[in-house]
Structures are given as C-alpha cells and as structure tokens.
C-alpha cells in the first residue's frame, strides 16, 4: 500500500489523457455523426450507400483492430505520421461518428416531416430548415442516447493502452509492474473510470433537463 501511494499522483495524471481522448473522440464523432445522419435522411442514393458502408465498417470491426489497422497500416500507407495519442483520438472519433450518426438519425426521424415542411412554408430553404428548425429539436431529443455514447467512450479509451497512450490503464499497468501489487492499483483505476463515467453522464442529463422543451416528444 505504501508503494502504491507513491505512484498515486502518476495514475491520477492519467485522467488528463483519458479526458483528452474522450473529448477529442466524442467531438470528432459528433461532427461526423451529425452530417452523416443528415445525409442518411436527405441525401441521394449514392450518399446513403456510402454512409451505410461507413457505419457498417466501423461498427463491425473491434476497436483494438481498428487502432492497429490505422496506426500501423492506413496512416503510414497514406503518408500521415501520427503519434499514438493523435491516432487514438482520430480512430475513436471515426468509430464514434458511426454510432452517433444512428443516435441523431433516430432523433431526426422521430420528428417526422412536419417540422421541415413548416419551415419551407415560411420561406426557408431546405438547409436552413434543417439547421435552424430540425436539428435544434433533434439534438435535445438525442441527449439521453448521446450520454450513453460518452459512457462508452470513457470505457473504450482504456483500449488505447495497446498503443502506449499514457491514459489511466496504461499508467496503472506500469505501477503494477513496479510494485507487484495488482489488486489496489486496478481497483483504484476502476474507481476512476466509475467517477468519470458518472460525472459525465450526470452533467449531460442536467443539461438535458434544463434544455428540453415541455411537450416536445419524438414520434417514430
């Protein structure tokens, strides 16, 4: 226990790396997922086919395989030199985009066609109607599902230890190797993930409760 206490600040500093992975991955995924959801509903057949293939690809391959594929395969082959942290953020974002697109897709579809038709009747273009009328409502509806994506991202970030990213799990493994005491360090790491997951999902739920519009419910 005494030996572990000496390494405690080292493990805690891994939270910064974990939160960086989550923020970067969720942020990239948000942008990708939002535009893909719009494309799946309002795009042409070619656009829908490309998006469907993208979603199918990133939802079908394990995250660990994707990390190896992009870090040792795709990026070097295309001339990009990304360090493990940058590569992990990009891969997490690309994968999260596939999942978030389905969250936003369901939210937009639940509104039906009447919202956009009303916007068009007021003289708005289709794009203005989507971004100023449909999406503000859809984003509110999607918040509960989006909080689940945050929780998933927190847990998935630990897989980046395979590339040596110095997040919580990687640092914990180094401490275990140095102290030969696995129980307490891993238990503590699990507690950190639990706290981060709870705090993040609670924050999203608070925002949802404060921004939801009474009477606005999606319909399938």
Protein backbone atom coordinates (compact mmCIF):
# COMPACT_ATOMS: atom_id res chain seq x y z
CA UNK A 1 0.00 0.00 0.00
CA UNK A 2 2.85 2.37 0.82
CA UNK A 3 4.48 1.72 -2.54
CA UNK A 4 1.20 2.36 -4.34
CA UNK A 5 0.69 5.66 -2.51
CA UNK A 6 3.93 6.93 -4.02
CA UNK A 7 2.57 6.31 -7.52
CA UNK A 8 -0.89 7.75 -6.84
CA UNK A 9 -0.24 11.16 -8.46
CA UNK A 10 1.15 9.36 -11.53
CA UNK A 11 -2.08 7.41 -12.02
CA UNK A 12 -4.25 10.46 -11.34
CA UNK A 13 -2.42 12.43 -14.03
CA UNK A 14 -3.64 9.82 -16.50
CA UNK A 15 -7.11 11.32 -16.15
CA UNK A 16 -5.97 14.25 -18.27
CA UNK A 17 -5.03 11.88 -21.10
CA UNK A 18 -8.26 9.90 -20.72
CA UNK A 19 -10.40 13.04 -20.82
CA UNK A 20 -8.42 14.28 -23.82
CA UNK A 21 -9.14 11.04 -25.65
CA UNK A 22 -12.82 11.26 -24.78
CA UNK A 23 -13.20 14.94 -25.68
CA UNK A 24 -11.39 14.51 -28.98
CA UNK A 25 -13.17 11.29 -29.90
CA UNK A 26 -16.64 12.49 -28.98
CA UNK A 27 -16.06 15.85 -30.67
CA UNK A 28 -14.93 14.33 -33.96
CA UNK A 29 -17.69 11.75 -33.76
CA UNK A 30 -20.29 14.46 -33.13
CA UNK A 31 -19.40 16.34 -36.31
CA UNK A 32 -19.17 13.17 -38.43
CA UNK A 33 -22.30 11.63 -36.94
CA UNK A 34 -24.42 14.75 -37.35
CA UNK A 35 -23.63 15.23 -41.02
CA UNK A 36 -23.98 11.52 -41.74
CA UNK A 37 -27.41 11.49 -40.10
CA UNK A 38 -28.46 14.40 -42.31
CA UNK A 39 -27.07 12.60 -45.35
CA UNK A 40 -28.91 9.40 -44.48
CA UNK A 41 -32.24 11.22 -44.46
CA UNK A 42 -31.90 14.00 -47.01
CA UNK A 43 -29.06 12.75 -49.24
CA UNK A 44 -29.25 10.93 -52.54
CA UNK A 45 -28.93 7.19 -53.00
CA UNK A 46 -25.15 7.36 -53.58
CA UNK A 47 -24.63 9.37 -50.39
CA UNK A 48 -26.80 6.98 -48.40
CA UNK A 49 -24.87 3.98 -49.75
CA UNK A 50 -21.50 5.49 -48.77
CA UNK A 51 -22.74 6.37 -45.29
CA UNK A 52 -24.23 2.91 -44.83
CA UNK A 53 -20.90 1.32 -45.77
CA UNK A 54 -19.03 3.63 -43.38
CA UNK A 55 -21.36 2.83 -40.47
CA UNK A 56 -21.25 -0.89 -41.21
CA UNK A 57 -17.44 -0.89 -41.37
CA UNK A 58 -16.75 0.95 -38.12
CA UNK A 59 -19.48 -0.83 -36.17
CA UNK A 60 -18.36 -4.29 -37.30
CA UNK A 61 -14.62 -4.20 -36.50
CA UNK A 62 -13.35 -4.31 -32.88
CA UNK A 63 -11.78 -1.08 -31.66
CA UNK A 64 -8.43 -2.77 -30.95
CA UNK A 65 -8.23 -4.00 -34.54
CA UNK A 66 -9.08 -0.52 -35.82
CA UNK A 67 -6.31 1.01 -33.72
CA UNK A 68 -3.74 -1.43 -35.10
CA UNK A 69 -5.10 -1.11 -38.64
CA UNK A 70 -4.83 2.67 -38.73
CA UNK A 71 -1.65 3.11 -36.66
CA UNK A 72 0.44 0.50 -38.49
CA UNK A 73 -1.43 0.32 -41.78
CA UNK A 74 -3.67 3.10 -43.06
CA UNK A 75 -1.81 6.17 -41.78
CA UNK A 76 1.72 5.04 -42.76
CA UNK A 77 0.44 3.91 -46.17
CA UNK A 78 -1.12 7.33 -46.82
CA UNK A 79 1.89 9.29 -45.62
CA UNK A 80 0.45 10.53 -42.32
CA UNK A 81 2.73 10.35 -39.30
CA UNK A 82 0.55 10.42 -36.21
CA UNK A 83 1.74 9.69 -32.70
CA UNK A 84 -0.22 7.13 -30.65
CA UNK A 85 -2.32 9.80 -28.91
CA UNK A 86 -3.36 11.57 -32.13
CA UNK A 87 -4.04 8.27 -33.90
CA UNK A 88 -6.17 7.06 -30.99
CA UNK A 89 -8.24 10.25 -30.96
CA UNK A 90 -8.86 10.03 -34.72
CA UNK A 91 -9.82 6.35 -34.61
CA UNK A 92 -12.08 6.87 -31.59
CA UNK A 93 -13.71 9.79 -33.42
CA UNK A 94 -14.22 7.87 -36.65
CA UNK A 95 -15.78 4.96 -34.78
CA UNK A 96 -17.89 7.19 -32.56
CA UNK A 97 -19.18 9.00 -35.64
CA UNK A 98 -20.71 5.75 -36.87
CA UNK A 99 -22.56 5.25 -33.60
CA UNK A 100 -23.54 8.87 -33.09
CA UNK A 101 -24.97 9.02 -36.61
CA UNK A 102 -27.54 6.42 -35.60
CA UNK A 103 -28.43 8.36 -32.45
CA UNK A 104 -29.01 11.55 -34.45
CA UNK A 105 -30.75 9.63 -37.21
CA UNK A 106 -33.32 8.26 -34.79
CA UNK A 107 -33.86 11.69 -33.24
CA UNK A 108 -34.40 13.41 -36.59
CA UNK A 109 -36.73 10.68 -37.83
CA UNK A 110 -38.78 10.88 -34.64
CA UNK A 111 -39.72 14.47 -35.52
CA UNK A 112 -41.38 13.43 -38.75
CA UNK A 113 -41.66 15.62 -41.86
CA UNK A 114 -43.95 18.32 -40.49
CA UNK A 115 -41.20 20.44 -38.92
CA UNK A 116 -39.27 20.80 -42.15
CA UNK A 117 -42.45 21.31 -44.19
CA UNK A 118 -43.47 24.13 -41.88
CA UNK A 119 -40.05 25.74 -42.24
CA UNK A 120 -40.26 25.51 -46.02
CA UNK A 121 -43.75 27.02 -45.90
CA UNK A 122 -42.28 30.03 -44.08
CA UNK A 123 -39.84 30.58 -46.93
CA UNK A 124 -36.76 28.82 -45.54
CA UNK A 125 -34.52 26.78 -47.80
CA UNK A 126 -34.18 23.10 -47.02
CA UNK A 127 -30.73 23.54 -45.48
CA UNK A 128 -31.85 26.47 -43.30
CA UNK A 129 -34.87 24.48 -42.21
CA UNK A 130 -32.67 21.53 -41.26
CA UNK A 131 -30.11 23.56 -39.30
CA UNK A 132 -32.44 26.12 -37.70
CA UNK A 133 -35.60 24.08 -37.07
CA UNK A 134 -34.99 20.33 -37.22
CA UNK A 135 -31.55 19.96 -35.64
CA UNK A 136 -32.14 22.12 -32.51
CA UNK A 137 -35.06 19.86 -31.62
CA UNK A 138 -33.33 16.64 -32.65
CA UNK A 139 -30.26 17.42 -30.56
CA UNK A 140 -32.41 17.83 -27.47
CA UNK A 141 -34.13 14.51 -28.11
CA UNK A 142 -30.81 12.73 -28.70
CA UNK A 143 -29.17 13.77 -25.42
CA UNK A 144 -30.07 10.64 -23.40
CA UNK A 145 -28.66 8.42 -26.13
CA UNK A 146 -25.67 10.71 -26.53
CA UNK A 147 -24.84 10.36 -22.82
CA UNK A 148 -24.57 6.61 -23.40
CA UNK A 149 -22.03 7.30 -26.14
CA UNK A 150 -19.97 9.34 -23.67
CA UNK A 151 -20.02 6.46 -21.18
CA UNK A 152 -18.97 4.04 -23.91
CA UNK A 153 -16.15 6.36 -24.97
CA UNK A 154 -14.81 6.55 -21.42
CA UNK A 155 -14.51 2.76 -21.32
CA UNK A 156 -13.20 2.45 -24.87
CA UNK A 157 -10.42 4.95 -24.14
CA UNK A 158 -8.71 2.33 -21.98
CA UNK A 159 -8.09 0.16 -25.06
CA UNK A 160 -5.59 2.74 -26.31
CA UNK A 161 -3.13 1.26 -23.80
CA UNK A 162 -2.29 -1.12 -26.67
CA UNK A 163 -0.57 1.80 -28.44
CA UNK A 164 1.11 3.01 -25.25
CA UNK A 165 -1.06 6.10 -24.72
CA UNK A 166 -0.44 7.22 -21.13
CA UNK A 167 -4.06 7.15 -20.01
CA UNK A 168 -5.31 5.69 -16.73
CA UNK A 169 -4.99 1.99 -17.54
CA UNK A 170 -1.53 2.28 -19.11
CA UNK A 171 -0.18 4.13 -16.08
CA UNK A 172 -1.82 1.63 -13.75
CA UNK A 173 -0.13 -1.26 -15.55
CA UNK A 174 3.24 0.47 -15.15
CA UNK A 175 2.56 0.89 -11.43
CA UNK A 176 1.58 -2.78 -11.10
CA UNK A 177 4.78 -3.84 -12.83
CA UNK A 178 6.80 -1.63 -10.50
CA UNK A 179 5.09 -2.56 -7.21
CA UNK A 180 3.93 -6.13 -7.98
CA UNK A 181 0.64 -5.21 -6.25
CA UNK A 182 -2.15 -5.62 -8.83
CA UNK A 183 -5.27 -5.53 -6.65
CA UNK A 184 -5.19 -2.00 -5.24
CA UNK A 185 -3.97 -0.19 -8.39
CA UNK A 186 -6.53 -1.86 -10.66
CA UNK A 187 -9.29 -1.34 -8.11
CA UNK A 188 -8.34 2.34 -7.92
CA UNK A 189 -8.28 2.63 -11.72
CA UNK A 190 -11.74 1.09 -11.90
CA UNK A 191 -12.92 3.66 -9.38
CA UNK A 192 -11.56 6.50 -11.52
CA UNK A 193 -13.42 5.22 -14.58
CA UNK A 194 -16.57 4.90 -12.49
CA UNK A 195 -16.30 8.51 -11.28
CA UNK A 196 -15.59 9.89 -14.76
CA UNK A 197 -18.50 7.97 -16.25
CA UNK A 198 -20.94 9.04 -13.58
CA UNK A 199 -19.86 12.69 -13.61
CA UNK A 200 -20.09 12.98 -17.39
CA UNK A 201 -23.46 11.27 -17.79
CA UNK A 202 -24.85 13.26 -14.87
CA UNK A 203 -23.72 16.52 -16.49
CA UNK A 204 -25.37 15.58 -19.79
CA UNK A 205 -28.59 14.67 -18.00
CA UNK A 206 -28.61 18.01 -16.19
CA UNK A 207 -28.20 19.85 -19.49
CA UNK A 208 -30.99 17.74 -20.99
CA UNK A 209 -33.40 18.54 -18.16
CA UNK A 210 -32.67 22.25 -18.45
CA UNK A 211 -32.93 22.48 -22.22
CA UNK A 212 -35.75 20.08 -23.08
CA UNK A 213 -38.94 21.64 -24.32
CA UNK A 214 -42.06 20.56 -22.39
CA UNK A 215 -44.38 18.68 -24.70
CA UNK A 216 -41.69 18.03 -27.32
CA UNK A 217 -41.51 14.29 -27.74
CA UNK A 218 -40.30 12.43 -30.75
CA UNK A 219 -42.57 10.07 -32.60
CA UNK A 220 -41.46 7.01 -34.54
